[in-house]
N, C-alpha and C. Protein backbone atom coordinates (compact mmCIF):
# COMPACT_ATOMS: atom_id res chain seq x y z
N MET A 1 -24.10 -23.33 -40.55
CA MET A 1 -23.62 -22.03 -40.13
C MET A 1 -23.03 -21.32 -41.36
N LYS A 2 -23.48 -20.09 -41.54
CA LYS A 2 -23.04 -19.31 -42.69
C LYS A 2 -22.38 -18.03 -42.19
N ILE A 3 -21.27 -17.66 -42.82
CA ILE A 3 -20.61 -16.39 -42.52
C ILE A 3 -21.15 -15.36 -43.51
N LEU A 4 -21.65 -14.27 -42.97
CA LEU A 4 -22.25 -13.23 -43.80
C LEU A 4 -21.17 -12.29 -44.34
N LYS A 5 -20.97 -12.36 -45.64
CA LYS A 5 -19.95 -11.52 -46.28
C LYS A 5 -20.53 -10.72 -47.43
N GLU A 6 -21.57 -11.22 -48.05
CA GLU A 6 -22.16 -10.61 -49.23
C GLU A 6 -23.20 -9.57 -48.81
N GLU A 7 -23.30 -8.53 -49.58
CA GLU A 7 -24.32 -7.50 -49.41
C GLU A 7 -24.37 -6.93 -47.99
N MET A 8 -23.19 -6.68 -47.45
CA MET A 8 -23.13 -6.17 -46.08
C MET A 8 -23.73 -4.77 -45.95
N ASP A 9 -23.50 -3.91 -46.93
CA ASP A 9 -24.08 -2.57 -46.85
C ASP A 9 -25.60 -2.64 -46.82
N LYS A 10 -26.16 -3.56 -47.57
CA LYS A 10 -27.62 -3.77 -47.56
C LYS A 10 -28.09 -4.23 -46.18
N LEU A 11 -27.35 -5.14 -45.57
CA LEU A 11 -27.70 -5.61 -44.23
C LEU A 11 -27.67 -4.46 -43.23
N LEU A 12 -26.65 -3.63 -43.30
CA LEU A 12 -26.55 -2.50 -42.38
C LEU A 12 -27.78 -1.60 -42.49
N ILE A 13 -28.23 -1.37 -43.70
CA ILE A 13 -29.42 -0.55 -43.91
C ILE A 13 -30.65 -1.25 -43.34
N GLU A 14 -30.77 -2.54 -43.61
CA GLU A 14 -31.95 -3.30 -43.18
C GLU A 14 -32.11 -3.35 -41.67
N VAL A 15 -30.99 -3.35 -40.94
CA VAL A 15 -31.08 -3.38 -39.46
C VAL A 15 -30.88 -2.00 -38.85
N ASN A 16 -30.86 -0.99 -39.71
CA ASN A 16 -30.78 0.41 -39.28
C ASN A 16 -29.50 0.71 -38.49
N TYR A 17 -28.39 0.16 -38.97
CA TYR A 17 -27.09 0.47 -38.37
C TYR A 17 -26.55 1.74 -39.00
N GLN A 18 -26.16 2.67 -38.18
CA GLN A 18 -25.62 3.94 -38.65
C GLN A 18 -24.11 3.81 -38.80
N LYS A 19 -23.63 3.82 -40.05
CA LYS A 19 -22.19 3.71 -40.29
C LYS A 19 -21.44 4.87 -39.66
N LYS A 20 -20.30 4.54 -39.10
CA LYS A 20 -19.42 5.54 -38.49
C LYS A 20 -18.22 5.76 -39.41
N ILE A 21 -17.75 6.97 -39.47
CA ILE A 21 -16.53 7.27 -40.22
C ILE A 21 -15.41 7.38 -39.19
N GLU A 22 -14.64 6.32 -39.08
CA GLU A 22 -13.56 6.27 -38.09
C GLU A 22 -12.18 6.40 -38.74
N PHE A 23 -12.08 6.02 -40.02
CA PHE A 23 -10.79 5.96 -40.69
C PHE A 23 -10.90 6.53 -42.09
N GLU A 24 -9.80 7.04 -42.60
CA GLU A 24 -9.78 7.56 -43.96
C GLU A 24 -9.82 6.44 -45.00
N ASP A 25 -9.22 5.31 -44.68
CA ASP A 25 -9.21 4.18 -45.61
C ASP A 25 -10.61 3.57 -45.68
N ASN A 26 -11.17 3.51 -46.88
CA ASN A 26 -12.53 3.03 -47.08
C ASN A 26 -12.71 1.58 -46.65
N ASP A 27 -11.78 0.70 -47.03
CA ASP A 27 -11.89 -0.72 -46.65
C ASP A 27 -11.84 -0.87 -45.14
N LEU A 28 -10.89 -0.21 -44.50
CA LEU A 28 -10.76 -0.31 -43.05
C LEU A 28 -12.03 0.17 -42.37
N ASN A 29 -12.56 1.27 -42.85
CA ASN A 29 -13.79 1.80 -42.28
C ASN A 29 -14.96 0.84 -42.47
N ASN A 30 -15.06 0.25 -43.65
CA ASN A 30 -16.13 -0.73 -43.90
C ASN A 30 -15.99 -1.95 -43.00
N PHE A 31 -14.78 -2.51 -42.90
CA PHE A 31 -14.57 -3.68 -42.05
C PHE A 31 -14.94 -3.38 -40.60
N TYR A 32 -14.56 -2.21 -40.14
CA TYR A 32 -14.89 -1.77 -38.79
C TYR A 32 -16.41 -1.75 -38.59
N ASN A 33 -17.11 -1.13 -39.52
CA ASN A 33 -18.56 -1.03 -39.41
C ASN A 33 -19.26 -2.38 -39.53
N TYR A 34 -18.78 -3.25 -40.38
CA TYR A 34 -19.38 -4.58 -40.50
C TYR A 34 -19.23 -5.34 -39.19
N TRP A 35 -18.05 -5.25 -38.60
CA TRP A 35 -17.79 -5.90 -37.32
C TRP A 35 -18.72 -5.34 -36.25
N TRP A 36 -18.75 -4.02 -36.13
CA TRP A 36 -19.54 -3.42 -35.05
C TRP A 36 -21.03 -3.55 -35.25
N CYS A 37 -21.48 -3.70 -36.46
CA CYS A 37 -22.89 -3.95 -36.70
C CYS A 37 -23.32 -5.23 -35.97
N PHE A 38 -22.48 -6.24 -35.99
CA PHE A 38 -22.82 -7.51 -35.34
C PHE A 38 -22.77 -7.40 -33.82
N ASN A 39 -22.04 -6.42 -33.29
CA ASN A 39 -22.06 -6.14 -31.86
C ASN A 39 -23.33 -5.38 -31.48
N GLU A 40 -23.62 -4.34 -32.21
CA GLU A 40 -24.70 -3.43 -31.85
C GLU A 40 -26.08 -3.90 -32.29
N LYS A 41 -26.16 -4.67 -33.34
CA LYS A 41 -27.46 -5.05 -33.90
C LYS A 41 -27.68 -6.57 -33.90
N GLU A 42 -27.05 -7.26 -32.97
CA GLU A 42 -27.16 -8.71 -32.93
C GLU A 42 -28.61 -9.18 -32.89
N ASP A 43 -29.41 -8.61 -32.00
CA ASP A 43 -30.80 -9.04 -31.87
C ASP A 43 -31.59 -8.82 -33.15
N GLU A 44 -31.40 -7.66 -33.77
CA GLU A 44 -32.11 -7.36 -35.00
C GLU A 44 -31.71 -8.32 -36.12
N ILE A 45 -30.42 -8.61 -36.22
CA ILE A 45 -29.95 -9.53 -37.25
C ILE A 45 -30.52 -10.92 -37.00
N GLN A 46 -30.49 -11.34 -35.75
CA GLN A 46 -30.97 -12.67 -35.42
C GLN A 46 -32.48 -12.80 -35.64
N ASN A 47 -33.23 -11.82 -35.21
CA ASN A 47 -34.69 -11.91 -35.27
C ASN A 47 -35.26 -11.52 -36.63
N GLU A 48 -34.86 -10.37 -37.13
CA GLU A 48 -35.44 -9.87 -38.37
C GLU A 48 -34.90 -10.57 -39.61
N LYS A 49 -33.65 -10.97 -39.57
CA LYS A 49 -33.03 -11.61 -40.73
C LYS A 49 -32.97 -13.13 -40.56
N ASN A 50 -33.44 -13.62 -39.42
CA ASN A 50 -33.48 -15.06 -39.15
C ASN A 50 -32.09 -15.71 -39.30
N VAL A 51 -31.11 -15.11 -38.65
CA VAL A 51 -29.74 -15.59 -38.68
C VAL A 51 -29.42 -16.23 -37.33
N SER A 52 -28.81 -17.40 -37.35
CA SER A 52 -28.49 -18.10 -36.11
C SER A 52 -27.41 -17.37 -35.33
N ILE A 53 -27.40 -17.61 -34.02
CA ILE A 53 -26.36 -17.02 -33.17
C ILE A 53 -24.98 -17.52 -33.61
N ASP A 54 -24.89 -18.75 -34.05
CA ASP A 54 -23.61 -19.29 -34.52
C ASP A 54 -23.10 -18.47 -35.71
N SER A 55 -23.96 -18.21 -36.67
CA SER A 55 -23.56 -17.41 -37.84
C SER A 55 -23.17 -16.00 -37.43
N ILE A 56 -23.91 -15.43 -36.51
CA ILE A 56 -23.59 -14.07 -36.05
C ILE A 56 -22.21 -14.04 -35.42
N LEU A 57 -21.91 -14.98 -34.56
CA LEU A 57 -20.62 -14.97 -33.85
C LEU A 57 -19.45 -15.25 -34.79
N TYR A 58 -19.59 -16.23 -35.68
CA TYR A 58 -18.51 -16.50 -36.63
C TYR A 58 -18.33 -15.32 -37.59
N THR A 59 -19.43 -14.68 -37.97
CA THR A 59 -19.33 -13.52 -38.85
C THR A 59 -18.67 -12.35 -38.12
N LYS A 60 -19.00 -12.18 -36.86
CA LYS A 60 -18.35 -11.13 -36.07
C LYS A 60 -16.84 -11.36 -36.03
N TYR A 61 -16.45 -12.61 -35.81
CA TYR A 61 -15.02 -12.95 -35.79
C TYR A 61 -14.40 -12.71 -37.16
N TYR A 62 -15.11 -13.07 -38.21
CA TYR A 62 -14.62 -12.87 -39.58
C TYR A 62 -14.32 -11.40 -39.83
N TRP A 63 -15.27 -10.51 -39.55
CA TRP A 63 -15.07 -9.09 -39.83
C TRP A 63 -14.04 -8.46 -38.90
N CYS A 64 -13.96 -8.91 -37.67
CA CYS A 64 -12.92 -8.43 -36.76
C CYS A 64 -11.54 -8.80 -37.33
N THR A 65 -11.42 -10.00 -37.85
CA THR A 65 -10.15 -10.47 -38.41
C THR A 65 -9.78 -9.68 -39.66
N ARG A 66 -10.74 -9.42 -40.54
CA ARG A 66 -10.46 -8.61 -41.74
C ARG A 66 -10.04 -7.20 -41.32
N TYR A 67 -10.73 -6.65 -40.32
CA TYR A 67 -10.38 -5.32 -39.81
C TYR A 67 -8.96 -5.32 -39.25
N LYS A 68 -8.65 -6.31 -38.44
CA LYS A 68 -7.32 -6.40 -37.82
C LYS A 68 -6.23 -6.47 -38.89
N GLU A 69 -6.43 -7.30 -39.92
CA GLU A 69 -5.45 -7.44 -40.99
C GLU A 69 -5.21 -6.11 -41.71
N LYS A 70 -6.29 -5.44 -42.04
CA LYS A 70 -6.18 -4.17 -42.77
C LYS A 70 -5.55 -3.11 -41.88
N TYR A 71 -5.94 -3.07 -40.61
CA TYR A 71 -5.38 -2.10 -39.67
C TYR A 71 -3.87 -2.30 -39.55
N GLU A 72 -3.45 -3.55 -39.37
CA GLU A 72 -2.02 -3.84 -39.23
C GLU A 72 -1.26 -3.52 -40.51
N GLN A 73 -1.88 -3.73 -41.66
CA GLN A 73 -1.25 -3.38 -42.94
C GLN A 73 -0.99 -1.87 -43.01
N LEU A 74 -1.94 -1.09 -42.51
CA LEU A 74 -1.83 0.36 -42.60
C LEU A 74 -1.03 0.99 -41.46
N TYR A 75 -1.22 0.47 -40.23
CA TYR A 75 -0.69 1.15 -39.05
C TYR A 75 0.23 0.30 -38.17
N GLY A 76 0.29 -0.98 -38.42
CA GLY A 76 1.11 -1.86 -37.58
C GLY A 76 0.28 -2.56 -36.52
N PHE A 77 0.94 -3.37 -35.75
CA PHE A 77 0.29 -4.20 -34.74
C PHE A 77 -0.41 -3.35 -33.68
N ASP A 78 -1.58 -3.84 -33.23
CA ASP A 78 -2.32 -3.20 -32.15
C ASP A 78 -2.83 -4.30 -31.22
N ALA A 79 -2.29 -4.36 -30.03
CA ALA A 79 -2.66 -5.41 -29.08
C ALA A 79 -4.13 -5.33 -28.69
N GLY A 80 -4.70 -4.15 -28.69
CA GLY A 80 -6.10 -3.99 -28.33
C GLY A 80 -7.03 -4.71 -29.30
N ILE A 81 -6.70 -4.65 -30.58
CA ILE A 81 -7.52 -5.34 -31.57
C ILE A 81 -7.40 -6.85 -31.40
N GLU A 82 -6.18 -7.30 -31.16
CA GLU A 82 -5.98 -8.74 -30.94
C GLU A 82 -6.75 -9.20 -29.70
N GLN A 83 -6.78 -8.39 -28.68
CA GLN A 83 -7.54 -8.71 -27.47
C GLN A 83 -9.04 -8.81 -27.79
N GLN A 84 -9.52 -7.96 -28.67
CA GLN A 84 -10.93 -8.03 -29.08
C GLN A 84 -11.23 -9.36 -29.77
N GLN A 85 -10.29 -9.83 -30.57
CA GLN A 85 -10.46 -11.14 -31.22
C GLN A 85 -10.59 -12.24 -30.17
N TYR A 86 -9.73 -12.21 -29.16
CA TYR A 86 -9.79 -13.22 -28.11
C TYR A 86 -11.11 -13.14 -27.35
N LYS A 87 -11.63 -11.94 -27.15
CA LYS A 87 -12.91 -11.78 -26.47
C LYS A 87 -14.04 -12.40 -27.29
N ILE A 88 -13.96 -12.27 -28.61
CA ILE A 88 -14.98 -12.89 -29.46
C ILE A 88 -14.90 -14.40 -29.34
N ILE A 89 -13.69 -14.95 -29.33
CA ILE A 89 -13.54 -16.40 -29.17
C ILE A 89 -14.10 -16.85 -27.82
N GLU A 90 -13.81 -16.11 -26.76
CA GLU A 90 -14.37 -16.44 -25.46
C GLU A 90 -15.90 -16.40 -25.50
N GLU A 91 -16.45 -15.39 -26.14
CA GLU A 91 -17.90 -15.28 -26.28
C GLU A 91 -18.45 -16.49 -27.05
N MET A 92 -17.76 -16.89 -28.09
CA MET A 92 -18.18 -18.04 -28.89
C MET A 92 -18.19 -19.31 -28.05
N GLN A 93 -17.16 -19.49 -27.24
CA GLN A 93 -17.08 -20.69 -26.41
C GLN A 93 -18.25 -20.77 -25.43
N ILE A 94 -18.76 -19.63 -25.01
CA ILE A 94 -19.87 -19.59 -24.07
C ILE A 94 -21.22 -19.72 -24.78
N ARG A 95 -21.38 -19.07 -25.92
CA ARG A 95 -22.70 -18.89 -26.51
C ARG A 95 -23.04 -19.80 -27.68
N LEU A 96 -22.07 -20.44 -28.30
CA LEU A 96 -22.37 -21.27 -29.46
C LEU A 96 -23.24 -22.46 -29.07
N THR A 97 -24.11 -22.86 -29.99
CA THR A 97 -24.96 -24.01 -29.73
C THR A 97 -24.18 -25.32 -29.83
N GLU A 98 -23.07 -25.29 -30.57
CA GLU A 98 -22.18 -26.44 -30.67
C GLU A 98 -20.78 -26.00 -30.24
N ASN A 99 -19.86 -26.95 -30.15
CA ASN A 99 -18.49 -26.61 -29.78
C ASN A 99 -17.86 -25.69 -30.83
N LEU A 100 -16.94 -24.88 -30.37
CA LEU A 100 -16.21 -23.98 -31.25
C LEU A 100 -15.48 -24.79 -32.32
N ASP A 101 -15.64 -24.39 -33.56
CA ASP A 101 -15.01 -25.07 -34.69
C ASP A 101 -13.68 -24.39 -34.99
N TRP A 102 -12.60 -24.96 -34.45
CA TRP A 102 -11.28 -24.36 -34.61
C TRP A 102 -10.83 -24.39 -36.06
N ASN A 103 -11.30 -25.35 -36.83
CA ASN A 103 -10.96 -25.39 -38.24
C ASN A 103 -11.51 -24.15 -38.95
N THR A 104 -12.74 -23.78 -38.64
CA THR A 104 -13.34 -22.58 -39.24
C THR A 104 -12.57 -21.33 -38.79
N ILE A 105 -12.20 -21.27 -37.52
CA ILE A 105 -11.41 -20.13 -37.02
C ILE A 105 -10.10 -20.02 -37.80
N ASN A 106 -9.43 -21.15 -37.99
CA ASN A 106 -8.16 -21.14 -38.74
C ASN A 106 -8.37 -20.71 -40.19
N LEU A 107 -9.44 -21.16 -40.82
CA LEU A 107 -9.73 -20.77 -42.20
C LEU A 107 -10.01 -19.27 -42.29
N ILE A 108 -10.72 -18.74 -41.30
CA ILE A 108 -10.97 -17.29 -41.26
C ILE A 108 -9.65 -16.55 -41.14
N GLU A 109 -8.79 -17.00 -40.24
CA GLU A 109 -7.52 -16.32 -40.03
C GLU A 109 -6.59 -16.40 -41.23
N GLN A 110 -6.73 -17.47 -42.00
CA GLN A 110 -5.92 -17.63 -43.21
C GLN A 110 -6.59 -16.99 -44.43
N ASN A 111 -7.73 -16.34 -44.22
CA ASN A 111 -8.51 -15.68 -45.27
C ASN A 111 -8.90 -16.67 -46.37
N LYS A 112 -9.29 -17.88 -45.96
CA LYS A 112 -9.71 -18.91 -46.90
C LYS A 112 -11.20 -19.13 -46.87
N ILE A 113 -11.91 -18.28 -46.16
CA ILE A 113 -13.38 -18.34 -46.14
C ILE A 113 -13.88 -17.06 -46.72
């Protein structure tokens, strides 16, 4: 299982994801778009880029976490974003081909991946 972090802008172009301008902060906006690309273009990423569902889900969690950290740094805590993280974990528990790897989740949250 690989978390997709490199060349994200290239991936967005390859799967025809239209970037949204939601925030003035460039990093926050990028993290938001990277996260949502995995929501909106999951099938394209999985089929056209030959990426496993496990990698897609862990990557979605990764970018949601980076977005949450940056959002909280700029604007403070937002329970809605935290709830989205929990929804991704619930989705992972249902859809992963193997059991949820809590060690990987912890490493993502500690920004060590």
